[in-house]
C-alpha atoms as a PDB file:
ATOM      1  CA  MET A   1      18.176 143.397  55.796  1.00  0.00           C
ATOM      2  CA  LYS A   2      16.036 144.421  52.825  1.00  0.00           C
ATOM      3  CA  ASN A   3      12.708 143.801  53.412  1.00  0.00           C
ATOM      4  CA  GLY A   4      12.844 141.165  56.155  1.00  0.00           C
ATOM      5  CA  LEU A   5      15.293 139.367  54.256  1.00  0.00           C
ATOM      6  CA  LEU A   6      19.191 137.941  55.162  1.00  0.00           C
ATOM      7  CA  GLU A   7      21.582 139.466  52.409  1.00  0.00           C
ATOM      8  CA  ALA A   8      25.001 138.244  51.934  1.00  0.00           C
ATOM      9  CA  THR A   9      26.600 140.758  53.956  1.00  0.00           C
ATOM     10  CA  ASP A  10      24.119 140.037  57.309  1.00  0.00           C
ATOM     11  CA  GLY A  11      25.652 137.657  60.164  1.00  0.00           C
ATOM     12  CA  TRP A  12      28.581 136.719  61.273  1.00  0.00           C
ATOM     13  CA  ASP A  13      29.913 133.266  60.999  1.00  0.00           C
ATOM     14  CA  ILE A  14      31.603 131.449  63.375  1.00  0.00           C
ATOM     15  CA  VAL A  15      35.316 129.921  62.466  1.00  0.00           C
ATOM     16  CA  VAL A  16      36.959 126.628  64.032  1.00  0.00           C
ATOM     17  CA  ASN A  17      40.610 126.156  62.792  1.00  0.00           C
ATOM     18  CA  GLY A  18      39.859 128.073  60.078  1.00  0.00           C
ATOM     19  CA  VAL A  19      36.925 126.596  58.659  1.00  0.00           C
ATOM     20  CA  ASP A  20      33.592 128.344  58.536  1.00  0.00           C
ATOM     21  CA  ARG A  21      31.094 126.648  60.877  1.00  0.00           C
ATOM     22  CA  THR A  22      27.788 127.820  62.126  1.00  0.00           C
ATOM     23  CA  PHE A  23      25.833 130.939  61.299  1.00  0.00           C
ATOM     24  CA  ARG A  24      23.842 133.371  63.416  1.00  0.00           C
ATOM     25  CA  ASP A  25      22.028 136.727  61.993  1.00  0.00           C
ATOM     26  CA  ARG A  26      22.612 138.942  65.836  1.00  0.00           C
ATOM     27  CA  GLU A  27      26.437 139.347  67.054  1.00  0.00           C
ATOM     28  CA  PRO A  28      25.145 138.850  70.721  1.00  0.00           C
ATOM     29  CA  ILE A  29      23.745 134.872  69.897  1.00  0.00           C
ATOM     30  CA  ALA A  30      27.485 134.977  67.474  1.00  0.00           C
ATOM     31  CA  ILE A  31      29.700 135.617  70.638  1.00  0.00           C
ATOM     32  CA  ASP A  32      27.765 133.294  72.867  1.00  0.00           C
ATOM     33  CA  ALA A  33      28.107 130.852  70.326  1.00  0.00           C
ATOM     34  CA  ALA A  34      31.438 130.881  69.920  1.00  0.00           C
ATOM     35  CA  CYS A  35      32.220 131.182  73.696  1.00  0.00           C
ATOM     36  CA  TYR A  36      30.457 127.737  74.090  1.00  0.00           C
ATOM     37  CA  LEU A  37      32.465 125.925  71.114  1.00  0.00           C
ATOM     38  CA  LYS A  38      35.011 127.458  72.932  1.00  0.00           C
ATOM     39  CA  GLN A  39      34.717 125.715  76.200  1.00  0.00           C
ATOM     40  CA  GLN A  40      33.668 122.363  74.515  1.00  0.00           C
ATOM     41  CA  TRP A  41      37.046 122.445  72.456  1.00  0.00           C
ATOM     42  CA  PRO A  42      38.940 124.927  74.284  1.00  0.00           C
ATOM     43  CA  ARG A  43      42.170 123.649  72.279  1.00  0.00           C
ATOM     44  CA  ASP A  44      40.336 124.825  68.975  1.00  0.00           C
ATOM     45  CA  GLU A  45      40.917 127.934  67.462  1.00  0.00           C
ATOM     46  CA  VAL A  46      37.350 129.601  67.457  1.00  0.00           C
ATOM     47  CA  GLN A  47      36.703 132.970  65.753  1.00  0.00           C
ATOM     48  CA  ILE A  48      33.349 135.111  64.676  1.00  0.00           C
ATOM     49  CA  ARG A  49      33.280 136.906  61.182  1.00  0.00           C
ATOM     50  CA  THR A  50      31.871 139.760  60.409  1.00  0.00           C
ATOM     51  CA  ARG A  51      29.631 138.996  56.913  1.00  0.00           C
ATOM     52  CA  ALA A  52      30.092 142.634  56.317  1.00  0.00           C
ATOM     53  CA  ASP A  53      33.428 143.792  55.951  1.00  0.00           C
ATOM     54  CA  GLY A  54      35.130 140.340  56.915  1.00  0.00           C
ATOM     55  CA  THR A  55      36.690 140.715  60.015  1.00  0.00           C
ATOM     56  CA  LEU A  56      37.717 137.749  62.784  1.00  0.00           C
ATOM     57  CA  ARG A  57      37.500 138.814  66.294  1.00  0.00           C
ATOM     58  CA  THR A  58      39.379 135.476  68.479  1.00  0.00           C
ATOM     59  CA  VAL A  59      37.793 134.140  70.800  1.00  0.00           C
ATOM     60  CA  ARG A  60      40.401 133.990  73.753  1.00  0.00           C
ATOM     61  CA  PRO A  61      40.865 131.104  76.676  1.00  0.00           C
ATOM     62  CA  ASP A  62      39.960 133.304  79.369  1.00  0.00           C
ATOM     63  CA  PHE A  63      36.602 134.086  76.795  1.00  0.00           C
ATOM     64  CA  ARG A  64      36.775 137.186  76.356  1.00  0.00           C
ATOM     65  CA  LEU A  65      37.248 138.390  72.267  1.00  0.00           C
ATOM     66  CA  GLU A  66      40.557 139.657  70.509  1.00  0.00           C
END
């Protein structure tokens, strides 16, 4: 973040079944949002992608991250 503006590499995307669904600018909020989606749709694959390096973390059925 420069001068208070988000860059393309800032933040986290919430991915459901391989499709980008939402964006969060802070990691704890992204984790909470992903866990909420997993709770609502337990059979779907919910992941958090870091925009900085593209790392994907999957939300497990027990709401832990892989």
